[in-house]
Structures are given as structure tokens and as C-alpha cells.
Amino acid sequence: MPRKYNSPSRFIQGDPRYSNLLVTKFVNCMMQDGKKRKALNVFYNAMDEIQERVKDRDPLEVFMSAVANVKPMIQVRSRRVGGATYQVPMEVKRKRATTLAIRWLLDSARKKKGRPMHKRLSDELIMAYRREGAAMSTRDQVHKMAEANKAFAHLAW
């Protein structure tokens, strides 16, 4: 990796239905074995399900606020000082926060077995929209860990 030159990030095109970059990123993270069409179908079916269940809001708005609710503000990183390793609370960059939120939403939806993925995903997105569910508990756990290790905040670099 070069020291002085930051390579530019690749241009990501919006998805066909919503033309939204966050939706594209979400679908790309959901995709397995390069099957993007299948991932898009699962996502769009989940959005249709959200539209049926949450009547007063646009499904894209529900999705955006669900991702925003799950985004962590602070996380802990390991830092060695002398012979000891400390969990140091640090602020999360915007791009990483989005990536973590997407990952947590997908992981919590994938863990629920026994139903089609689009139903599990719509359930998890609606619960995150209402500030509940497994993805929100993961976020709260990360925040609690950071709060517990607040004494080591002076070790942040």
C-alpha cells in the first residue's frame, strides 16, 4: 500500500428501483456467491412487505431510518500499553458506522431461521425502525462496552 497516495473510491451506481446508494451498498453486502439479482429480489420483496405492514411511511424512509438507528456512535478498539491490552473507546467514522449497521442488520436477519429471507429482513428492518430487535441490542452492547471502558479514553490516538 503506498504511503502518500490515497486511491479514489469506486463509483457505485444506485439500484434500479430507488436509485439510492445506501440500498446498493446494502444489496451488495447481502449478496452471496455473486448472485446480485437474487439479493435485489429479496430486498425488493422485503420493501414490499414493509409497505404492507407500515402504512403511514414510505418503505425507503423506514429502511433509511432503520440503518440510521442501528449506526454506532462509539466503539472500543484494543490498544497495547506496556504489557497490558486495554479496550479504548473511540468515535466511529461515518463510513464504518454505516458498514457496521448494515452488517448487524443482515446478521440478525440471517440468524432467524424458518422463514423466507425477505420476511426476516423486513421484520428486522421494522424492529430497527422502532428501535428494538437484535441489531439494536448489538449496538447497545457496543455502546455499553464503550461506556464501561470510559476510564481508558485518554489512551485514544
N, C-alpha and C. Protein backbone atom coordinates (compact mmCIF):
# COMPACT_ATOMS: atom_id res chain seq x y z
N MET A 1 0.85 -1.17 0.00
CA MET A 1 0.00 0.00 0.00
C MET A 1 0.89 1.24 0.00
N PRO A 2 0.67 2.16 -0.94
CA PRO A 2 1.50 3.36 -0.99
C PRO A 2 1.25 4.26 0.21
N ARG A 3 2.27 5.01 0.58
CA ARG A 3 2.16 5.86 1.76
C ARG A 3 1.50 7.20 1.47
N LYS A 4 1.76 7.77 0.30
CA LYS A 4 1.32 9.13 0.05
C LYS A 4 0.04 9.23 -0.77
N TYR A 5 -0.28 8.23 -1.55
CA TYR A 5 -1.40 8.32 -2.48
C TYR A 5 -2.59 7.55 -1.95
N ASN A 6 -3.70 8.22 -1.76
CA ASN A 6 -4.94 7.56 -1.40
C ASN A 6 -5.69 7.23 -2.68
N SER A 7 -5.95 5.96 -2.90
CA SER A 7 -6.65 5.58 -4.11
C SER A 7 -8.11 6.03 -4.02
N PRO A 8 -8.66 6.54 -5.11
CA PRO A 8 -10.04 7.03 -5.06
C PRO A 8 -11.02 5.87 -4.92
N SER A 9 -12.11 6.12 -4.19
CA SER A 9 -13.12 5.08 -4.03
C SER A 9 -13.88 4.92 -5.35
N ARG A 10 -14.33 3.70 -5.61
CA ARG A 10 -15.01 3.40 -6.85
C ARG A 10 -16.40 4.02 -6.87
N PHE A 11 -16.85 4.40 -8.04
CA PHE A 11 -18.19 4.96 -8.21
C PHE A 11 -19.21 3.83 -8.12
N ILE A 12 -20.19 4.00 -7.24
CA ILE A 12 -21.25 3.00 -7.09
C ILE A 12 -22.53 3.58 -7.66
N GLN A 13 -23.15 2.84 -8.54
CA GLN A 13 -24.38 3.29 -9.17
C GLN A 13 -25.57 2.91 -8.28
N GLY A 14 -26.59 3.74 -8.26
CA GLY A 14 -27.78 3.46 -7.46
C GLY A 14 -28.53 2.25 -7.99
N ASP A 15 -29.39 1.69 -7.15
CA ASP A 15 -30.15 0.50 -7.56
C ASP A 15 -31.25 0.89 -8.55
N PRO A 16 -31.80 -0.10 -9.28
CA PRO A 16 -32.78 0.22 -10.33
C PRO A 16 -34.08 0.87 -9.84
N ARG A 17 -34.60 0.45 -8.70
CA ARG A 17 -35.92 0.94 -8.27
C ARG A 17 -35.83 2.28 -7.54
N TYR A 18 -34.89 2.41 -6.59
CA TYR A 18 -34.84 3.60 -5.75
C TYR A 18 -33.73 4.58 -6.12
N SER A 19 -32.76 4.16 -6.92
CA SER A 19 -31.59 4.97 -7.28
C SER A 19 -30.90 5.52 -6.04
N ASN A 20 -30.74 4.66 -5.04
CA ASN A 20 -30.17 5.06 -3.77
C ASN A 20 -28.86 4.31 -3.54
N LEU A 21 -27.82 5.02 -3.12
CA LEU A 21 -26.51 4.39 -2.92
C LEU A 21 -26.50 3.49 -1.70
N LEU A 22 -27.24 3.86 -0.65
CA LEU A 22 -27.28 3.03 0.56
C LEU A 22 -27.96 1.70 0.26
N VAL A 23 -28.99 1.73 -0.56
CA VAL A 23 -29.67 0.49 -0.96
C VAL A 23 -28.71 -0.40 -1.73
N THR A 24 -27.94 0.19 -2.64
CA THR A 24 -26.96 -0.57 -3.42
C THR A 24 -25.92 -1.21 -2.50
N LYS A 25 -25.44 -0.44 -1.53
CA LYS A 25 -24.45 -0.97 -0.59
C LYS A 25 -25.04 -2.11 0.22
N PHE A 26 -26.28 -1.95 0.65
CA PHE A 26 -26.97 -2.98 1.42
C PHE A 26 -27.12 -4.26 0.60
N VAL A 27 -27.55 -4.11 -0.65
CA VAL A 27 -27.74 -5.27 -1.53
C VAL A 27 -26.40 -5.95 -1.80
N ASN A 28 -25.34 -5.16 -2.01
CA ASN A 28 -24.02 -5.74 -2.24
C ASN A 28 -23.53 -6.52 -1.03
N CYS A 29 -23.84 -6.04 0.17
CA CYS A 29 -23.45 -6.77 1.38
C CYS A 29 -24.30 -8.03 1.56
N MET A 30 -25.55 -7.97 1.11
CA MET A 30 -26.44 -9.11 1.24
C MET A 30 -26.12 -10.21 0.22
N MET A 31 -25.53 -9.82 -0.90
CA MET A 31 -25.26 -10.74 -2.00
C MET A 31 -24.30 -11.85 -1.58
N GLN A 32 -24.60 -13.08 -1.99
CA GLN A 32 -23.73 -14.22 -1.74
C GLN A 32 -23.44 -14.92 -3.06
N ASP A 33 -22.20 -15.32 -3.25
CA ASP A 33 -21.76 -16.03 -4.46
C ASP A 33 -22.01 -15.22 -5.73
N GLY A 34 -21.99 -13.90 -5.64
CA GLY A 34 -22.15 -13.06 -6.82
C GLY A 34 -23.55 -13.00 -7.39
N LYS A 35 -24.56 -13.48 -6.63
CA LYS A 35 -25.94 -13.52 -7.14
C LYS A 35 -26.67 -12.23 -6.76
N LYS A 36 -26.37 -11.18 -7.51
CA LYS A 36 -26.93 -9.87 -7.20
C LYS A 36 -28.42 -9.79 -7.50
N ARG A 37 -28.87 -10.40 -8.58
CA ARG A 37 -30.28 -10.36 -8.93
C ARG A 37 -31.12 -10.98 -7.82
N LYS A 38 -30.64 -12.08 -7.25
CA LYS A 38 -31.36 -12.75 -6.16
C LYS A 38 -31.40 -11.84 -4.93
N ALA A 39 -30.27 -11.20 -4.62
CA ALA A 39 -30.21 -10.29 -3.48
C ALA A 39 -31.15 -9.10 -3.69
N LEU A 40 -31.19 -8.57 -4.91
CA LEU A 40 -32.11 -7.47 -5.21
C LEU A 40 -33.57 -7.89 -5.04
N ASN A 41 -33.90 -9.10 -5.51
CA ASN A 41 -35.27 -9.59 -5.36
C ASN A 41 -35.65 -9.74 -3.90
N VAL A 42 -34.74 -10.26 -3.09
CA VAL A 42 -35.01 -10.41 -1.65
C VAL A 42 -35.24 -9.04 -1.03
N PHE A 43 -34.39 -8.07 -1.38
CA PHE A 43 -34.52 -6.73 -0.81
C PHE A 43 -35.83 -6.07 -1.23
N TYR A 44 -36.16 -6.15 -2.52
CA TYR A 44 -37.40 -5.53 -3.00
C TYR A 44 -38.64 -6.20 -2.41
N ASN A 45 -38.59 -7.52 -2.23
CA ASN A 45 -39.71 -8.21 -1.57
C ASN A 45 -39.84 -7.76 -0.12
N ALA A 46 -38.70 -7.55 0.54
CA ALA A 46 -38.73 -7.06 1.92
C ALA A 46 -39.32 -5.65 1.96
N MET A 47 -38.98 -4.81 0.98
CA MET A 47 -39.52 -3.45 0.94
C MET A 47 -41.03 -3.47 0.68
N ASP A 48 -41.49 -4.39 -0.18
CA ASP A 48 -42.93 -4.54 -0.41
C ASP A 48 -43.64 -4.97 0.86
N GLU A 49 -43.01 -5.87 1.60
CA GLU A 49 -43.56 -6.34 2.88
C GLU A 49 -43.65 -5.17 3.88
N ILE A 50 -42.62 -4.34 3.91
CA ILE A 50 -42.61 -3.17 4.80
C ILE A 50 -43.74 -2.21 4.41
N GLN A 51 -43.95 -2.04 3.10
CA GLN A 51 -45.01 -1.15 2.64
C GLN A 51 -46.38 -1.63 3.08
N GLU A 52 -46.57 -2.95 3.11
CA GLU A 52 -47.85 -3.50 3.57
C GLU A 52 -48.03 -3.33 5.07
N ARG A 53 -46.95 -3.50 5.83
CA ARG A 53 -47.06 -3.50 7.29
C ARG A 53 -46.96 -2.12 7.92
N VAL A 54 -46.20 -1.21 7.33
CA VAL A 54 -46.09 0.16 7.85
C VAL A 54 -46.76 1.08 6.84
N LYS A 55 -48.02 1.36 7.08
CA LYS A 55 -48.83 2.07 6.09
C LYS A 55 -48.48 3.57 6.01
N ASP A 56 -48.16 4.19 7.15
CA ASP A 56 -48.01 5.64 7.18
C ASP A 56 -46.67 6.15 6.67
N ARG A 57 -45.71 5.26 6.41
CA ARG A 57 -44.37 5.68 5.97
C ARG A 57 -43.99 5.03 4.65
N ASP A 58 -43.12 5.72 3.92
CA ASP A 58 -42.53 5.19 2.70
C ASP A 58 -41.52 4.10 3.09
N PRO A 59 -41.48 2.96 2.40
CA PRO A 59 -40.56 1.88 2.80
C PRO A 59 -39.09 2.29 2.74
N LEU A 60 -38.73 3.16 1.80
CA LEU A 60 -37.34 3.62 1.72
C LEU A 60 -37.00 4.46 2.95
N GLU A 61 -37.96 5.25 3.41
CA GLU A 61 -37.77 6.06 4.62
C GLU A 61 -37.60 5.16 5.84
N VAL A 62 -38.38 4.09 5.92
CA VAL A 62 -38.25 3.12 7.02
C VAL A 62 -36.87 2.48 6.98
N PHE A 63 -36.43 2.09 5.79
CA PHE A 63 -35.11 1.48 5.63
C PHE A 63 -34.00 2.43 6.06
N MET A 64 -34.06 3.69 5.59
CA MET A 64 -33.02 4.67 5.90
C MET A 64 -32.96 4.95 7.40
N SER A 65 -34.11 5.10 8.03
CA SER A 65 -34.10 5.39 9.47
C SER A 65 -33.71 4.16 10.28
N ALA A 66 -34.01 2.95 9.78
CA ALA A 66 -33.58 1.73 10.47
C ALA A 66 -32.05 1.64 10.47
N VAL A 67 -31.43 1.90 9.33
CA VAL A 67 -29.97 1.88 9.26
C VAL A 67 -29.39 2.98 10.15
N ALA A 68 -29.99 4.16 10.13
CA ALA A 68 -29.51 5.27 10.96
C ALA A 68 -29.64 4.96 12.45
N ASN A 69 -30.71 4.27 12.85
CA ASN A 69 -30.90 3.92 14.26
C ASN A 69 -29.87 2.91 14.73
N VAL A 70 -29.45 2.01 13.86
CA VAL A 70 -28.52 0.94 14.25
C VAL A 70 -27.07 1.42 14.23
N LYS A 71 -26.78 2.52 13.56
CA LYS A 71 -25.40 3.01 13.46
C LYS A 71 -24.82 3.28 14.85
N PRO A 72 -23.62 2.74 15.14
CA PRO A 72 -23.00 3.03 16.43
C PRO A 72 -22.31 4.39 16.41
N MET A 73 -22.30 5.07 17.54
CA MET A 73 -21.61 6.36 17.65
C MET A 73 -20.18 6.16 18.14
N ILE A 74 -20.00 5.13 18.97
CA ILE A 74 -18.72 4.91 19.62
C ILE A 74 -18.48 3.41 19.71
N GLN A 75 -17.23 3.00 19.64
CA GLN A 75 -16.88 1.58 19.74
C GLN A 75 -15.58 1.45 20.51
N VAL A 76 -15.21 0.24 20.89
CA VAL A 76 -13.94 0.02 21.58
C VAL A 76 -12.94 -0.62 20.62
N ARG A 77 -11.70 -0.18 20.73
CA ARG A 77 -10.60 -0.75 19.95
C ARG A 77 -9.53 -1.20 20.94
N SER A 78 -8.87 -2.30 20.64
CA SER A 78 -7.82 -2.80 21.53
C SER A 78 -6.55 -1.97 21.34
N ARG A 79 -5.89 -1.65 22.45
CA ARG A 79 -4.65 -0.87 22.40
C ARG A 79 -3.70 -1.44 23.43
N ARG A 80 -2.49 -1.79 23.00
CA ARG A 80 -1.48 -2.32 23.92
C ARG A 80 -0.68 -1.17 24.51
N VAL A 81 -0.60 -1.16 25.83
CA VAL A 81 0.23 -0.19 26.55
C VAL A 81 1.06 -1.00 27.52
N GLY A 82 2.37 -1.01 27.29
CA GLY A 82 3.23 -1.86 28.11
C GLY A 82 2.90 -3.30 27.83
N GLY A 83 2.61 -4.06 28.86
CA GLY A 83 2.26 -5.47 28.68
C GLY A 83 0.77 -5.70 28.66
N ALA A 84 0.00 -4.66 28.94
CA ALA A 84 -1.45 -4.82 29.07
C ALA A 84 -2.17 -4.36 27.80
N THR A 85 -3.30 -5.00 27.53
CA THR A 85 -4.15 -4.60 26.41
C THR A 85 -5.41 -3.97 26.98
N TYR A 86 -5.71 -2.75 26.54
CA TYR A 86 -6.88 -2.04 27.03
C TYR A 86 -7.90 -1.90 25.90
N GLN A 87 -9.16 -1.94 26.28
CA GLN A 87 -10.24 -1.65 25.35
C GLN A 87 -10.50 -0.15 25.42
N VAL A 88 -10.09 0.57 24.38
CA VAL A 88 -10.17 2.03 24.38
C VAL A 88 -11.39 2.47 23.58
N PRO A 89 -12.30 3.25 24.19
CA PRO A 89 -13.46 3.74 23.44
C PRO A 89 -13.04 4.82 22.45
N MET A 90 -13.54 4.70 21.22
CA MET A 90 -13.21 5.67 20.17
C MET A 90 -14.46 5.98 19.36
N GLU A 91 -14.48 7.17 18.78
CA GLU A 91 -15.59 7.56 17.91
C GLU A 91 -15.51 6.76 16.61
N VAL A 92 -16.67 6.40 16.08
CA VAL A 92 -16.73 5.62 14.85
C VAL A 92 -16.89 6.57 13.67
N LYS A 93 -16.09 6.36 12.62
CA LYS A 93 -16.21 7.18 11.42
C LYS A 93 -17.53 6.86 10.73
N ARG A 94 -18.04 7.83 9.97
CA ARG A 94 -19.36 7.71 9.36
C ARG A 94 -19.47 6.49 8.44
N LYS A 95 -18.46 6.26 7.62
CA LYS A 95 -18.50 5.15 6.67
C LYS A 95 -18.49 3.81 7.40
N ARG A 96 -17.65 3.70 8.44
CA ARG A 96 -17.59 2.46 9.21
C ARG A 96 -18.89 2.23 9.97
N ALA A 97 -19.49 3.29 10.49
CA ALA A 97 -20.76 3.16 11.22
C ALA A 97 -21.84 2.59 10.30
N THR A 98 -21.89 3.08 9.07
CA THR A 98 -22.87 2.58 8.11
C THR A 98 -22.61 1.11 7.80
N THR A 99 -21.34 0.77 7.59
CA THR A 99 -20.98 -0.62 7.29
C THR A 99 -21.35 -1.55 8.44
N LEU A 100 -21.06 -1.13 9.67
CA LEU A 100 -21.41 -1.95 10.84
C LEU A 100 -22.92 -2.11 10.96
N ALA A 101 -23.67 -1.03 10.74
CA ALA A 101 -25.13 -1.10 10.84
C ALA A 101 -25.69 -2.09 9.83
N ILE A 102 -25.20 -2.03 8.59
CA ILE A 102 -25.66 -2.96 7.55
C ILE A 102 -25.33 -4.39 7.94
N ARG A 103 -24.11 -4.60 8.41
CA ARG A 103 -23.66 -5.94 8.79
C ARG A 103 -24.51 -6.50 9.93
N TRP A 104 -24.79 -5.67 10.94
CA TRP A 104 -25.57 -6.14 12.08
C TRP A 104 -27.01 -6.45 11.68
N LEU A 105 -27.60 -5.62 10.82
CA LEU A 105 -28.96 -5.89 10.35
C LEU A 105 -29.03 -7.20 9.58
N LEU A 106 -28.07 -7.42 8.69
CA LEU A 106 -28.08 -8.66 7.90
C LEU A 106 -27.79 -9.88 8.76
N ASP A 107 -26.85 -9.77 9.69
CA ASP A 107 -26.53 -10.90 10.57
C ASP A 107 -27.74 -11.29 11.42
N SER A 108 -28.42 -10.30 11.98
CA SER A 108 -29.58 -10.61 12.82
C SER A 108 -30.72 -11.19 12.00
N ALA A 109 -30.88 -10.75 10.75
CA ALA A 109 -31.92 -11.32 9.89
C ALA A 109 -31.56 -12.75 9.48
N ARG A 110 -30.28 -13.00 9.23
CA ARG A 110 -29.85 -14.34 8.82
C ARG A 110 -29.93 -15.36 9.95
N LYS A 111 -29.81 -14.90 11.19
CA LYS A 111 -29.84 -15.83 12.33
C LYS A 111 -31.23 -16.39 12.59
N LYS A 112 -32.26 -15.65 12.20
CA LYS A 112 -33.63 -16.12 12.41
C LYS A 112 -33.97 -17.12 11.32
N LYS A 113 -34.07 -18.37 11.66
CA LYS A 113 -34.32 -19.42 10.66
C LYS A 113 -35.81 -19.76 10.60
N GLY A 114 -36.20 -20.46 9.55
CA GLY A 114 -37.55 -20.99 9.46
C GLY A 114 -38.51 -20.19 8.61
N ARG A 115 -38.10 -19.01 8.14
CA ARG A 115 -38.96 -18.19 7.29
C ARG A 115 -38.15 -17.70 6.10
N PRO A 116 -38.82 -17.26 5.04
CA PRO A 116 -38.07 -16.72 3.89
C PRO A 116 -37.26 -15.49 4.29
N MET A 117 -36.16 -15.27 3.62
CA MET A 117 -35.24 -14.18 3.98
C MET A 117 -35.91 -12.82 3.88
N HIS A 118 -36.76 -12.61 2.89
CA HIS A 118 -37.37 -11.28 2.76
C HIS A 118 -38.27 -10.96 3.94
N LYS A 119 -38.92 -11.98 4.52
CA LYS A 119 -39.76 -11.74 5.70
C LYS A 119 -38.90 -11.47 6.93
N ARG A 120 -37.80 -12.22 7.08
CA ARG A 120 -36.89 -12.00 8.20
C ARG A 120 -36.26 -10.61 8.11
N LEU A 121 -35.88 -10.21 6.90
CA LEU A 121 -35.25 -8.91 6.70
C LEU A 121 -36.24 -7.78 6.97
N SER A 122 -37.46 -7.92 6.50
CA SER A 122 -38.47 -6.88 6.74
C SER A 122 -38.78 -6.77 8.23
N ASP A 123 -38.85 -7.91 8.93
CA ASP A 123 -39.06 -7.90 10.38
C ASP A 123 -37.95 -7.12 11.08
N GLU A 124 -36.71 -7.43 10.72
CA GLU A 124 -35.56 -6.80 11.38
C GLU A 124 -35.51 -5.30 11.07
N LEU A 125 -35.81 -4.93 9.83
CA LEU A 125 -35.79 -3.50 9.48
C LEU A 125 -36.89 -2.74 10.22
N ILE A 126 -38.07 -3.34 10.33
CA ILE A 126 -39.17 -2.68 11.05
C ILE A 126 -38.83 -2.55 12.53
N MET A 127 -38.24 -3.61 13.10
CA MET A 127 -37.86 -3.54 14.52
C MET A 127 -36.77 -2.50 14.74
N ALA A 128 -35.81 -2.40 13.83
CA ALA A 128 -34.76 -1.39 13.96
C ALA A 128 -35.35 0.01 13.79
N TYR A 129 -36.34 0.14 12.93
CA TYR A 129 -37.04 1.41 12.74
C TYR A 129 -37.72 1.84 14.05
N ARG A 130 -38.23 0.85 14.79
CA ARG A 130 -38.89 1.13 16.07
C ARG A 130 -37.92 1.10 17.25
N ARG A 131 -36.62 1.01 16.96
CA ARG A 131 -35.54 0.99 17.96
C ARG A 131 -35.62 -0.21 18.88
N GLU A 132 -35.88 -1.39 18.29
CA GLU A 132 -35.85 -2.64 19.04
C GLU A 132 -35.29 -3.72 18.13
N GLY A 133 -35.12 -4.92 18.65
CA GLY A 133 -34.62 -6.02 17.82
C GLY A 133 -33.16 -6.35 18.09
N ALA A 134 -32.68 -7.39 17.41
CA ALA A 134 -31.34 -7.92 17.65
C ALA A 134 -30.24 -6.95 17.22
N ALA A 135 -30.43 -6.26 16.11
CA ALA A 135 -29.40 -5.32 15.64
C ALA A 135 -29.25 -4.15 16.60
N MET A 136 -30.37 -3.67 17.14
CA MET A 136 -30.30 -2.58 18.12
C MET A 136 -29.65 -3.04 19.41
N SER A 137 -29.90 -4.30 19.81
CA SER A 137 -29.26 -4.79 21.03
C SER A 137 -27.75 -4.94 20.83
N THR A 138 -27.32 -5.29 19.61
CA THR A 138 -25.88 -5.34 19.31
C THR A 138 -25.28 -3.95 19.44
N ARG A 139 -25.96 -2.96 18.91
CA ARG A 139 -25.48 -1.57 19.02
C ARG A 139 -25.41 -1.13 20.48
N ASP A 140 -26.45 -1.46 21.24
CA ASP A 140 -26.47 -1.08 22.66
C ASP A 140 -25.35 -1.77 23.43
N GLN A 141 -25.05 -3.01 23.06
CA GLN A 141 -23.95 -3.75 23.69
C GLN A 141 -22.62 -3.05 23.44
N VAL A 142 -22.40 -2.62 22.20
CA VAL A 142 -21.16 -1.91 21.84
C VAL A 142 -21.07 -0.61 22.62
N HIS A 143 -22.17 0.11 22.75
CA HIS A 143 -22.18 1.37 23.50
C HIS A 143 -21.92 1.13 24.98
N LYS A 144 -22.49 0.05 25.54
CA LYS A 144 -22.26 -0.27 26.96
C LYS A 144 -20.80 -0.60 27.21
N MET A 145 -20.19 -1.34 26.26
CA MET A 145 -18.78 -1.69 26.38
C MET A 145 -17.92 -0.43 26.38
N ALA A 146 -18.25 0.50 25.51
CA ALA A 146 -17.51 1.76 25.45
C ALA A 146 -17.70 2.57 26.73
N GLU A 147 -18.91 2.57 27.25
CA GLU A 147 -19.18 3.30 28.50
C GLU A 147 -18.43 2.68 29.67
N ALA A 148 -18.35 1.35 29.70
CA ALA A 148 -17.66 0.66 30.79
C ALA A 148 -16.15 0.94 30.76
N ASN A 149 -15.60 1.16 29.57
CA ASN A 149 -14.16 1.40 29.43
C ASN A 149 -13.83 2.87 29.24
N LYS A 150 -14.72 3.74 29.70
CA LYS A 150 -14.52 5.17 29.54
C LYS A 150 -13.24 5.66 30.24
N ALA A 151 -12.81 4.93 31.27
CA ALA A 151 -11.61 5.32 32.01
C ALA A 151 -10.35 5.28 31.14
N PHE A 152 -10.39 4.50 30.06
CA PHE A 152 -9.22 4.37 29.18
C PHE A 152 -9.31 5.29 27.96
N ALA A 153 -10.24 6.23 27.97
CA ALA A 153 -10.42 7.11 26.81
C ALA A 153 -9.19 7.98 26.56
N HIS A 154 -8.40 8.24 27.60
CA HIS A 154 -7.20 9.08 27.41
C HIS A 154 -6.13 8.36 26.60
N LEU A 155 -6.28 7.04 26.39
CA LEU A 155 -5.31 6.27 25.60
C LEU A 155 -5.62 6.31 24.10
N ALA A 156 -6.70 6.97 23.73
CA ALA A 156 -7.08 7.03 22.31
C ALA A 156 -6.02 7.78 21.52
N TRP A 157 -5.78 7.34 20.30
CA TRP A 157 -4.76 8.00 19.48
C TRP A 157 -5.36 8.68 18.29
